[in-house]
N, C-alpha and C. Protein backbone atom coordinates (compact mmCIF):
# COMPACT_ATOMS: atom_id res chain seq x y z
N MET A 1 23.08 -37.53 9.00
CA MET A 1 22.82 -36.13 9.24
C MET A 1 22.31 -35.46 7.96
N PHE A 2 22.91 -35.77 6.80
CA PHE A 2 22.49 -35.16 5.55
C PHE A 2 21.70 -36.14 4.69
N ALA A 3 20.95 -37.03 5.33
CA ALA A 3 20.20 -38.05 4.59
C ALA A 3 19.10 -37.40 3.75
N ASN A 4 18.55 -36.28 4.20
CA ASN A 4 17.45 -35.62 3.50
C ASN A 4 17.92 -34.36 2.79
N PHE A 5 19.14 -34.36 2.30
CA PHE A 5 19.69 -33.18 1.64
C PHE A 5 18.87 -32.81 0.39
N GLY A 6 18.44 -33.81 -0.37
CA GLY A 6 17.61 -33.55 -1.55
C GLY A 6 16.29 -32.91 -1.19
N PHE A 7 15.69 -33.39 -0.11
CA PHE A 7 14.44 -32.80 0.37
C PHE A 7 14.66 -31.35 0.81
N THR A 8 15.76 -31.10 1.51
CA THR A 8 16.06 -29.76 1.98
C THR A 8 16.25 -28.80 0.80
N GLU A 9 16.95 -29.24 -0.22
CA GLU A 9 17.14 -28.40 -1.41
C GLU A 9 15.82 -28.09 -2.08
N SER A 10 14.97 -29.10 -2.23
CA SER A 10 13.69 -28.86 -2.89
C SER A 10 12.80 -27.97 -2.04
N TYR A 11 12.83 -28.13 -0.72
CA TYR A 11 12.03 -27.27 0.15
C TYR A 11 12.48 -25.82 0.04
N VAL A 12 13.78 -25.60 0.03
CA VAL A 12 14.30 -24.24 -0.09
C VAL A 12 13.86 -23.62 -1.41
N GLN A 13 13.94 -24.39 -2.49
CA GLN A 13 13.54 -23.87 -3.80
C GLN A 13 12.05 -23.55 -3.82
N ILE A 14 11.23 -24.41 -3.23
CA ILE A 14 9.78 -24.16 -3.17
C ILE A 14 9.50 -22.88 -2.38
N ARG A 15 10.19 -22.71 -1.25
CA ARG A 15 9.97 -21.52 -0.41
C ARG A 15 10.42 -20.25 -1.14
N VAL A 16 11.54 -20.30 -1.82
CA VAL A 16 12.03 -19.14 -2.57
C VAL A 16 11.04 -18.77 -3.67
N ASP A 17 10.53 -19.76 -4.38
CA ASP A 17 9.53 -19.50 -5.43
C ASP A 17 8.27 -18.86 -4.84
N GLU A 18 7.86 -19.35 -3.68
CA GLU A 18 6.67 -18.81 -3.02
C GLU A 18 6.89 -17.35 -2.62
N LEU A 19 8.05 -17.04 -2.06
CA LEU A 19 8.34 -15.66 -1.66
C LEU A 19 8.44 -14.73 -2.87
N LEU A 20 9.02 -15.22 -3.96
CA LEU A 20 9.08 -14.42 -5.18
C LEU A 20 7.69 -14.14 -5.73
N ARG A 21 6.80 -15.12 -5.67
CA ARG A 21 5.42 -14.94 -6.12
C ARG A 21 4.71 -13.88 -5.27
N GLU A 22 4.90 -13.96 -3.95
CA GLU A 22 4.29 -12.97 -3.07
C GLU A 22 4.81 -11.56 -3.36
N ALA A 23 6.10 -11.44 -3.57
CA ALA A 23 6.69 -10.12 -3.88
C ALA A 23 6.13 -9.59 -5.20
N GLN A 24 5.98 -10.46 -6.19
CA GLN A 24 5.43 -10.05 -7.48
C GLN A 24 3.98 -9.60 -7.32
N ASN A 25 3.20 -10.33 -6.52
CA ASN A 25 1.81 -9.93 -6.28
C ASN A 25 1.72 -8.59 -5.58
N ASP A 26 2.61 -8.36 -4.60
CA ASP A 26 2.63 -7.07 -3.92
C ASP A 26 2.99 -5.95 -4.87
N ARG A 27 3.95 -6.19 -5.75
CA ARG A 27 4.35 -5.16 -6.72
C ARG A 27 3.21 -4.83 -7.66
N ILE A 28 2.49 -5.85 -8.13
CA ILE A 28 1.35 -5.63 -9.03
C ILE A 28 0.25 -4.87 -8.30
N ALA A 29 -0.01 -5.21 -7.05
CA ALA A 29 -1.04 -4.51 -6.28
C ALA A 29 -0.67 -3.04 -6.10
N ASP A 30 0.60 -2.75 -5.85
CA ASP A 30 1.04 -1.36 -5.72
C ASP A 30 0.89 -0.60 -7.04
N LEU A 31 1.17 -1.25 -8.16
CA LEU A 31 1.02 -0.60 -9.46
C LEU A 31 -0.45 -0.30 -9.75
N VAL A 32 -1.33 -1.23 -9.39
CA VAL A 32 -2.76 -1.04 -9.64
C VAL A 32 -3.31 0.08 -8.76
N ALA A 33 -2.86 0.13 -7.51
CA ALA A 33 -3.36 1.16 -6.58
C ALA A 33 -2.90 2.55 -7.00
N GLY A 34 -1.76 2.63 -7.65
CA GLY A 34 -1.26 3.92 -8.10
C GLY A 34 -0.65 4.72 -6.97
N PRO A 35 -0.14 5.89 -7.31
CA PRO A 35 0.49 6.72 -6.27
C PRO A 35 -0.57 7.26 -5.33
N ARG A 36 -0.23 7.29 -4.08
CA ARG A 36 -1.16 7.80 -3.07
C ARG A 36 -0.54 9.00 -2.38
N ARG A 37 -1.41 9.87 -1.95
CA ARG A 37 -0.93 11.01 -1.18
C ARG A 37 -0.60 10.54 0.22
N PRO A 38 0.46 11.08 0.79
CA PRO A 38 0.79 10.71 2.17
C PRO A 38 -0.34 11.06 3.13
N TRP A 39 -0.43 10.33 4.18
CA TRP A 39 -1.47 10.51 5.19
C TRP A 39 -1.49 11.94 5.71
N ARG A 40 -0.34 12.52 5.95
CA ARG A 40 -0.30 13.88 6.50
C ARG A 40 -0.96 14.88 5.58
N LEU A 41 -0.77 14.73 4.27
CA LEU A 41 -1.40 15.66 3.32
C LEU A 41 -2.91 15.51 3.32
N ARG A 42 -3.39 14.28 3.42
CA ARG A 42 -4.84 14.07 3.48
C ARG A 42 -5.43 14.71 4.71
N VAL A 43 -4.80 14.47 5.87
CA VAL A 43 -5.30 15.04 7.12
C VAL A 43 -5.25 16.56 7.06
N ALA A 44 -4.17 17.11 6.52
CA ALA A 44 -4.06 18.56 6.40
C ALA A 44 -5.16 19.12 5.51
N GLY A 45 -5.48 18.42 4.42
CA GLY A 45 -6.57 18.86 3.54
C GLY A 45 -7.91 18.85 4.24
N TRP A 46 -8.15 17.80 5.00
CA TRP A 46 -9.42 17.73 5.74
C TRP A 46 -9.51 18.82 6.79
N LEU A 47 -8.39 19.06 7.49
CA LEU A 47 -8.39 20.11 8.51
C LEU A 47 -8.59 21.48 7.88
N LYS A 48 -7.97 21.71 6.75
CA LYS A 48 -8.12 23.01 6.06
C LYS A 48 -9.56 23.20 5.61
N ALA A 49 -10.15 22.17 5.02
CA ALA A 49 -11.53 22.26 4.57
C ALA A 49 -12.48 22.48 5.75
N THR A 50 -12.22 21.82 6.87
CA THR A 50 -13.05 22.00 8.06
C THR A 50 -12.91 23.41 8.60
N ALA A 51 -11.69 23.93 8.64
CA ALA A 51 -11.48 25.29 9.12
C ALA A 51 -12.18 26.30 8.23
N GLU A 52 -12.13 26.10 6.91
CA GLU A 52 -12.82 27.01 6.00
C GLU A 52 -14.33 26.93 6.20
N TRP A 53 -14.83 25.72 6.45
CA TRP A 53 -16.26 25.55 6.67
C TRP A 53 -16.68 26.24 7.97
N VAL A 54 -15.88 26.09 9.03
CA VAL A 54 -16.19 26.72 10.31
C VAL A 54 -16.15 28.23 10.18
N GLU A 55 -15.22 28.75 9.42
CA GLU A 55 -15.08 30.19 9.23
C GLU A 55 -16.13 30.75 8.28
N GLY A 56 -16.89 29.89 7.63
CA GLY A 56 -17.92 30.35 6.73
C GLY A 56 -17.45 30.53 5.29
N GLN A 57 -16.36 29.89 4.92
CA GLN A 57 -15.83 30.00 3.57
C GLN A 57 -15.67 28.61 2.94
N PRO A 58 -16.74 27.87 2.80
CA PRO A 58 -16.58 26.53 2.24
C PRO A 58 -16.15 26.58 0.77
N GLN A 59 -15.04 25.96 0.46
CA GLN A 59 -14.53 25.90 -0.90
C GLN A 59 -14.95 24.61 -1.59
N ALA A 60 -14.95 23.53 -0.85
CA ALA A 60 -15.31 22.24 -1.39
C ALA A 60 -15.72 21.33 -0.24
N SER A 61 -16.27 20.20 -0.55
CA SER A 61 -16.66 19.28 0.52
C SER A 61 -15.41 18.70 1.17
N ILE A 62 -15.58 18.20 2.38
CA ILE A 62 -14.45 17.66 3.13
C ILE A 62 -13.95 16.38 2.49
N ALA A 63 -14.87 15.53 2.04
CA ALA A 63 -14.46 14.28 1.40
C ALA A 63 -14.16 14.59 -0.07
N ARG A 64 -12.91 14.46 -0.46
CA ARG A 64 -12.48 14.77 -1.81
C ARG A 64 -12.09 13.50 -2.54
N ALA A 65 -12.36 13.47 -3.81
CA ALA A 65 -11.93 12.34 -4.63
C ALA A 65 -10.46 12.52 -4.96
N GLU A 66 -9.73 11.39 -4.90
CA GLU A 66 -8.30 11.45 -5.22
C GLU A 66 -8.07 10.81 -6.57
N ALA A 67 -7.22 11.44 -7.34
CA ALA A 67 -6.91 10.91 -8.67
C ALA A 67 -5.67 10.07 -8.64
């Protein structure tokens, strides 16, 4: 039943290392992307800009650059 115990241990260690690598890559990608505005704020900004444009008071373009 436990004839492949060594193989099982090595497989578990390989899988854990792989998952840790993936988590590290995700963390680095999040750091590179930087903080993002929540979706609701972006949609609200677009709606506000569109409403101002419709009312004849354009303040800025609808597509805004995010810092």
